[in-house]
Protein backbone atom coordinates (compact mmCIF):
# COMPACT_ATOMS: atom_id res chain seq x y z
CA MET A 1 -28.78 1.56 34.35
CA GLU A 2 -29.66 1.51 38.04
CA LEU A 3 -30.77 -1.82 39.49
CA GLN A 4 -34.36 -2.07 40.63
CA LEU A 5 -34.00 -3.61 44.06
CA LYS A 6 -36.55 -4.66 46.66
CA ARG A 7 -33.78 -5.27 49.17
CA PRO A 8 -29.95 -5.11 49.13
CA LEU A 9 -27.99 -7.16 46.61
CA ALA A 10 -24.52 -8.24 47.74
CA PHE A 11 -22.00 -8.84 44.96
CA PHE A 12 -19.09 -10.86 46.31
CA ASP A 13 -15.92 -12.54 45.13
CA LEU A 14 -13.53 -14.94 46.86
CA GLU A 15 -9.86 -15.67 46.31
CA THR A 16 -8.96 -19.05 47.76
CA THR A 17 -6.20 -21.60 48.29
CA GLY A 18 -7.77 -23.75 45.56
CA VAL A 19 -11.05 -24.89 44.05
CA ASN A 20 -11.92 -27.88 46.26
CA ILE A 21 -14.89 -26.61 48.29
CA SER A 22 -14.46 -29.25 50.99
CA VAL A 23 -10.72 -28.70 51.53
CA ASP A 24 -9.66 -25.22 50.40
CA ARG A 25 -10.04 -21.96 52.30
CA ILE A 26 -10.69 -18.27 51.62
CA VAL A 27 -7.66 -15.92 51.52
CA GLU A 28 -9.40 -12.77 50.31
CA LEU A 29 -13.02 -11.66 50.24
CA SER A 30 -14.71 -8.58 48.85
CA ILE A 31 -18.39 -7.69 49.12
CA LEU A 32 -20.06 -4.81 47.32
CA LYS A 33 -23.53 -4.38 48.85
CA VAL A 34 -25.91 -2.27 46.75
CA SER A 35 -29.07 -1.13 48.52
CA PRO A 36 -32.32 0.16 47.02
CA GLY A 37 -31.64 3.66 45.80
CA GLY A 38 -28.11 2.78 44.66
CA ILE A 39 -26.31 3.18 48.00
CA GLU A 40 -23.05 1.17 47.90
CA GLU A 41 -21.06 -0.34 50.78
CA VAL A 42 -17.82 -2.30 50.41
CA LEU A 43 -16.14 -4.82 52.69
CA THR A 44 -12.77 -6.10 51.47
CA THR A 45 -10.49 -8.19 53.66
CA ARG A 46 -7.71 -10.73 53.51
CA ILE A 47 -7.92 -13.78 55.73
CA ASN A 48 -5.41 -16.26 57.13
CA PRO A 49 -6.64 -19.57 55.64
CA GLY A 50 -4.91 -21.66 58.33
CA ILE A 51 -3.30 -23.82 55.64
CA PRO A 52 -0.46 -23.16 53.16
CA ILE A 53 -1.43 -21.36 49.95
CA PRO A 54 -0.21 -23.38 46.94
CA ALA A 55 2.26 -21.51 44.73
CA GLU A 56 0.02 -21.85 41.66
CA SER A 57 -2.87 -20.24 43.53
CA SER A 58 -0.67 -17.39 44.77
CA MET A 59 0.55 -16.78 41.23
CA PHE A 60 -3.07 -16.56 40.12
CA HIS A 61 -4.45 -14.09 42.69
CA GLY A 62 -1.28 -12.55 44.14
CA VAL A 63 -1.88 -13.50 47.78
CA TYR A 64 1.02 -15.33 49.45
CA ASP A 65 1.49 -17.00 52.84
CA GLU A 66 3.62 -14.05 53.99
CA ASP A 67 0.76 -11.66 53.22
CA VAL A 68 -1.75 -13.35 55.54
CA LYS A 69 0.29 -15.09 58.23
CA ASP A 70 -0.52 -12.47 60.89
CA LEU A 71 -4.14 -11.89 59.88
CA PRO A 72 -7.27 -13.28 61.61
CA VAL A 73 -8.70 -16.60 60.44
CA PHE A 74 -12.20 -16.72 58.95
CA LYS A 75 -13.78 -17.75 62.25
CA ASP A 76 -12.66 -14.46 63.78
CA ARG A 77 -14.28 -12.44 60.96
CA ALA A 78 -17.32 -14.65 60.29
CA ALA A 79 -19.84 -12.74 62.42
CA GLU A 80 -18.73 -9.42 60.92
CA ILE A 81 -19.07 -10.78 57.37
CA ARG A 82 -22.50 -12.28 58.14
CA ASP A 83 -23.74 -9.02 59.63
CA PHE A 84 -22.43 -6.99 56.69
CA ILE A 85 -24.33 -9.19 54.22
CA GLY A 86 -27.44 -9.13 56.39
CA ASP A 87 -30.58 -10.20 54.53
CA ALA A 88 -29.19 -9.23 51.11
CA ASP A 89 -29.63 -11.36 48.03
CA LEU A 90 -26.34 -12.67 46.64
CA ALA A 91 -24.69 -12.06 43.28
CA GLY A 92 -21.36 -12.89 41.72
CA TYR A 93 -19.50 -14.36 38.80
CA ASN A 94 -19.69 -18.18 38.87
CA SER A 95 -20.98 -17.64 42.40
CA ASN A 96 -23.65 -20.36 42.37
CA LYS A 97 -21.14 -23.12 41.68
CA PHE A 98 -18.18 -21.84 43.67
CA ASP A 99 -18.41 -18.69 45.80
CA VAL A 100 -21.73 -19.43 47.54
CA PRO A 101 -20.88 -23.04 48.54
CA MET A 102 -17.33 -22.01 49.53
CA LEU A 103 -18.65 -19.21 51.74
CA MET A 104 -21.17 -21.60 53.32
CA GLU A 105 -18.37 -24.08 54.10
CA GLU A 106 -16.45 -21.39 55.95
CA PHE A 107 -19.51 -20.26 57.93
CA LEU A 108 -20.28 -23.85 58.90
CA ARG A 109 -16.69 -24.53 59.96
CA ALA A 110 -16.79 -21.36 62.05
CA GLY A 111 -20.07 -22.38 63.67
CA VAL A 112 -21.74 -19.15 62.55
CA ASP A 113 -25.35 -19.42 61.43
CA PHE A 114 -25.85 -17.98 57.95
CA SER A 115 -29.07 -18.99 56.22
CA LEU A 116 -29.55 -19.11 52.46
CA GLU A 117 -33.29 -19.57 52.83
CA GLY A 118 -35.41 -16.90 51.17
CA ARG A 119 -32.54 -15.28 49.27
CA SER A 120 -32.25 -14.82 45.52
CA PHE A 121 -29.00 -15.69 43.76
CA VAL A 122 -27.86 -13.92 40.60
CA ASP A 123 -24.94 -15.55 38.79
CA VAL A 124 -23.71 -13.02 36.23
CA GLN A 125 -21.57 -15.69 34.57
CA ASN A 126 -24.65 -17.73 33.75
CA ILE A 127 -26.25 -14.76 32.01
CA PHE A 128 -23.01 -14.15 30.15
CA HIS A 129 -22.35 -17.77 29.17
CA GLN A 130 -25.89 -18.32 28.00
CA MET A 131 -26.01 -15.10 26.01
CA GLU A 132 -22.40 -14.69 24.86
CA GLN A 133 -20.14 -17.37 26.41
CA ARG A 134 -16.95 -15.51 27.40
CA THR A 135 -14.71 -14.89 30.46
CA LEU A 136 -15.10 -12.04 32.98
CA LYS A 137 -12.28 -10.05 31.36
CA ALA A 138 -13.84 -10.49 27.92
CA ALA A 139 -17.29 -9.79 29.37
CA TYR A 140 -16.09 -6.48 30.80
CA ARG A 141 -14.54 -5.52 27.49
CA PHE A 142 -17.61 -6.72 25.55
CA TYR A 143 -20.29 -5.08 27.70
CA CYS A 144 -18.48 -2.07 29.13
CA ASN A 145 -16.12 -1.39 26.22
CA GLU A 146 -13.16 -1.12 28.59
CA ASN A 147 -10.20 -3.26 29.59
CA LEU A 148 -10.29 -4.83 33.05
CA ASP A 149 -7.21 -3.80 35.00
CA ASN A 150 -6.09 -5.74 38.09
CA ALA A 151 -8.06 -8.83 37.06
CA HIS A 152 -8.14 -11.57 39.72
CA THR A 153 -7.96 -9.17 42.63
CA ALA A 154 -11.17 -9.56 44.60
CA GLU A 155 -12.35 -5.94 44.59
CA ALA A 156 -11.52 -5.35 40.92
CA ASP A 157 -13.40 -8.50 39.95
CA VAL A 158 -16.43 -7.77 42.09
CA ARG A 159 -16.72 -4.21 40.77
CA ALA A 160 -16.35 -5.48 37.21
CA THR A 161 -19.11 -8.02 37.88
CA TYR A 162 -21.42 -5.24 39.11
CA GLU A 163 -20.72 -3.11 36.02
CA VAL A 164 -21.19 -6.10 33.69
CA LEU A 165 -24.62 -6.90 35.14
CA LYS A 166 -25.83 -3.34 34.64
CA ALA A 167 -24.55 -3.40 31.06
CA GLN A 168 -26.21 -6.77 30.44
CA LEU A 169 -29.55 -5.39 31.58
CA ALA A 170 -29.23 -2.54 29.10
CA LYS A 171 -28.00 -4.71 26.22
CA TYR A 172 -30.55 -7.52 26.57
CA GLU A 173 -33.61 -5.44 27.36
CA GLY A 174 -36.35 -6.98 25.21
CA VAL A 175 -33.96 -9.54 23.64
CA SER A 176 -35.44 -13.02 23.14
CA TYR A 177 -33.76 -16.20 24.38
CA GLU A 178 -34.62 -19.76 23.29
CA ASP A 179 -33.78 -22.56 25.71
CA LYS A 180 -32.90 -26.15 24.82
CA HIS A 181 -36.58 -27.11 24.93
CA GLY A 182 -37.51 -24.48 22.35
CA ASN A 183 -39.17 -22.16 24.85
CA VAL A 184 -38.73 -18.49 23.94
CA SER A 185 -38.64 -15.72 26.55
CA THR A 186 -37.01 -12.38 27.37
CA PRO A 187 -35.31 -13.41 30.62
CA VAL A 188 -32.76 -10.65 31.21
CA VAL A 189 -34.88 -8.05 32.96
CA ASN A 190 -34.23 -5.55 35.74
CA ASP A 191 -35.64 -7.75 38.49
CA VAL A 192 -33.55 -9.83 40.90
CA ASP A 193 -36.14 -12.61 41.24
CA ALA A 194 -36.31 -13.04 37.45
CA LEU A 195 -32.51 -13.01 37.18
CA HIS A 196 -32.37 -15.58 39.99
CA LYS A 197 -34.61 -17.88 37.96
CA PHE A 198 -32.61 -17.40 34.74
CA THR A 199 -29.20 -17.91 36.35
CA ASN A 200 -30.19 -21.00 38.32
CA LEU A 201 -31.27 -23.24 35.45
CA SER A 202 -29.69 -26.37 36.94
CA ASN A 203 -31.89 -25.81 40.02
CA PRO A 204 -29.42 -27.08 42.63
CA VAL A 205 -30.50 -27.98 46.13
CA ASP A 206 -27.05 -27.58 47.69
CA PHE A 207 -25.22 -25.25 45.25
CA ALA A 208 -22.40 -27.78 44.89
CA GLY A 209 -24.64 -29.62 42.44
CA ARG A 210 -24.64 -32.98 44.24
CA LEU A 211 -28.38 -32.58 44.79
CA VAL A 212 -30.76 -30.93 42.30
CA TYR A 213 -34.50 -30.44 41.95
CA ASP A 214 -36.20 -32.41 39.19
CA GLU A 215 -39.09 -31.19 37.04
CA ASP A 216 -41.53 -32.12 39.81
CA GLY A 217 -39.62 -30.00 42.31
CA ASP A 218 -38.33 -33.05 44.21
CA PRO A 219 -34.67 -33.29 45.35
CA CYS A 220 -32.67 -35.81 43.31
CA ILE A 221 -29.18 -37.29 43.41
CA ASN A 222 -27.02 -35.70 40.70
CA PHE A 223 -23.98 -37.99 40.65
CA GLY A 224 -22.89 -41.62 40.76
CA LYS A 225 -24.98 -44.76 40.52
CA HIS A 226 -28.17 -43.06 41.74
CA LYS A 227 -27.98 -40.01 39.48
CA GLY A 228 -31.46 -38.84 38.51
CA LYS A 229 -33.21 -40.76 41.31
CA LYS A 230 -35.31 -38.95 43.90
CA VAL A 231 -33.65 -38.65 47.30
CA VAL A 232 -36.75 -40.06 49.02
CA GLN A 233 -36.55 -43.19 46.86
CA ILE A 234 -32.93 -43.72 47.90
CA PHE A 235 -33.84 -43.28 51.56
CA GLU A 236 -36.54 -45.91 51.11
CA VAL A 237 -34.50 -48.62 49.38
CA GLU A 238 -30.96 -47.84 50.54
CA PRO A 239 -30.95 -45.80 53.77
CA SER A 240 -27.24 -46.58 54.26
CA TYR A 241 -26.54 -44.23 51.33
CA TYR A 242 -27.35 -41.33 53.64
CA ALA A 243 -24.71 -42.46 56.15
CA TRP A 244 -22.21 -42.98 53.32
CA MET A 245 -22.66 -39.41 52.10
CA GLN A 246 -22.49 -37.95 55.61
CA ASN A 247 -19.18 -39.75 56.21
CA GLY A 248 -17.85 -39.06 52.71
CA ASP A 249 -15.81 -36.22 51.23
CA PHE A 250 -18.75 -33.96 50.45
CA PRO A 251 -19.16 -30.24 51.21
CA LEU A 252 -20.53 -29.47 54.66
CA TYR A 253 -23.47 -27.58 53.21
CA THR A 254 -24.37 -30.59 51.04
CA LYS A 255 -24.37 -32.70 54.19
CA LYS A 256 -26.46 -30.13 56.03
CA VAL A 257 -29.07 -30.08 53.26
CA LEU A 258 -29.04 -33.88 53.11
CA GLU A 259 -29.57 -34.07 56.88
CA ARG A 260 -32.59 -31.76 56.57
CA LEU A 261 -34.05 -33.98 53.83
CA TRP A 262 -33.35 -37.12 55.92
CA ASN A 263 -35.04 -35.66 59.01
CA SER A 264 -38.03 -34.57 56.92
CA PHE A 265 -38.24 -38.08 55.44
CA ARG A 266 -38.13 -39.72 58.88
CA ASN A 267 -40.70 -37.32 60.31
CA GLN A 268 -43.09 -38.03 57.43
CA ARG A 269 -42.68 -41.77 57.91
CA LYS A 270 -43.27 -41.39 61.66
CA GLU A 271 -46.43 -39.36 61.01
CA GLN A 272 -47.65 -42.05 58.61
CA ARG A 273 -46.99 -44.79 61.20
CA ASP A 274 -48.69 -42.78 63.95
CA THR A 275 -51.72 -42.20 61.72
CA THR A 276 -51.93 -45.89 60.81
CA GLN A 277 -51.64 -46.95 64.47
CA ALA A 278 -54.28 -44.44 65.51
CA LEU A 279 -56.68 -45.77 62.89
CA GLU A 280 -55.99 -49.33 64.03
CA ARG A 281 -56.66 -48.43 67.68
CA LYS A 282 -59.85 -46.68 66.66
CA ALA A 283 -60.96 -49.77 64.75
CA GLU A 284 -60.24 -52.24 67.63
CA PRO A 285 -63.46 -51.60 69.68
CA GLN A 286 -65.57 -52.06 66.56
CA LYS A 287 -63.81 -55.34 65.80
CA GLU A 288 -64.39 -56.53 69.36
CA ARG A 289 -68.10 -55.74 69.07
CA GLU A 290 -68.26 -57.60 65.76
CA ASN A 291 -66.52 -60.63 67.31
CA VAL A 292 -69.00 -60.68 70.23
CA VAL A 293 -71.94 -60.64 67.81
CA LYS A 294 -70.41 -63.45 65.75
CA SER A 295 -69.77 -65.45 68.90
CA LYS A 296 -73.40 -65.05 69.98
CA GLU A 297 -74.60 -66.05 66.56
CA LYS A 298 -72.55 -69.26 66.75
CA THR A 299 -73.76 -70.06 70.32
CA GLN A 300 -77.35 -71.45 70.25
CA PRO A 301 -79.45 -72.44 73.36
CA ILE A 302 -79.98 -76.21 73.98
CA THR A 303 -83.60 -77.28 73.28
CA SER A 304 -85.61 -80.46 74.15
CA ASP A 305 -85.41 -81.56 70.50
CA MET A 306 -81.61 -81.31 70.63
CA LEU A 307 -81.60 -83.51 73.81
CA LYS A 308 -83.79 -86.14 72.17
CA GLN A 309 -81.47 -86.24 69.18
CA LEU A 310 -78.45 -86.74 71.42
CA GLN A 311 -80.20 -89.51 73.40
CA GLY A 312 -81.14 -91.28 70.19
CA LYS A 313 -77.58 -91.07 68.94
CA PHE A 314 -75.70 -92.10 72.07
CA GLY A 315 -78.41 -94.05 73.98
CA LYS A 316 -79.45 -93.62 77.55
């Protein structure tokens, strides 16, 4: 089944030094960009992470320090990678929780502007886990009826992800799904925006899941003592929490999103103060006029009767 695309959809997969988004680095990246009409472009590259690759990670993906020691670091390839992706929507396997935030960390470290605004994100793993709950290798066997060779190499995984999504669209066409609230729908359809909605059920603000949108569409804290509280409420009662997060061991993209929310909060409060002050200044002349009238009402002219009363009281 060919994807119905309004704009390119970039499937991508990362092999890394580890799974800590704030600390680890990319060692291999592969992007399969599918354009409307089915045109495919591939960018696959290994990258010098600038830090040692742990042995357990190398055993997992097969990339060792010796393989990348003479290769460019991510900063040297960042602009090329950004330009290759262009304005494409993003897709992957477990990409919303790992690959997207990891890629954003690398772009931010490199100082290369890459915006996520306006993009759709299709996480094939979320479709799979919610409909079948298996691994990528099992998903490929289940949906495509083939064994996945060279698993955990970036290009093999990204191509398998692409094939799995197409098979999912065919298998679940018209199939009903009931969510935890009892709502029934047919969510797996050949439309990237609909798939974006279905594969982003947690509704994260920052992809790392530290900040999520609540049912009202307001950003909320999703960890620690303030979990479930609106970010604006925390800014109101404990503004130092913002500084704590900015100085803490949080992903750079989480901090960037938090900074945007903080600046928006401060701007709103400033607008409210400016509006209040403007109303007060506007009301001042009216108050002055009212005070003058009251003062005149209290001040009465001295009459001959008043003088006679004073003379009678105090004598001549």
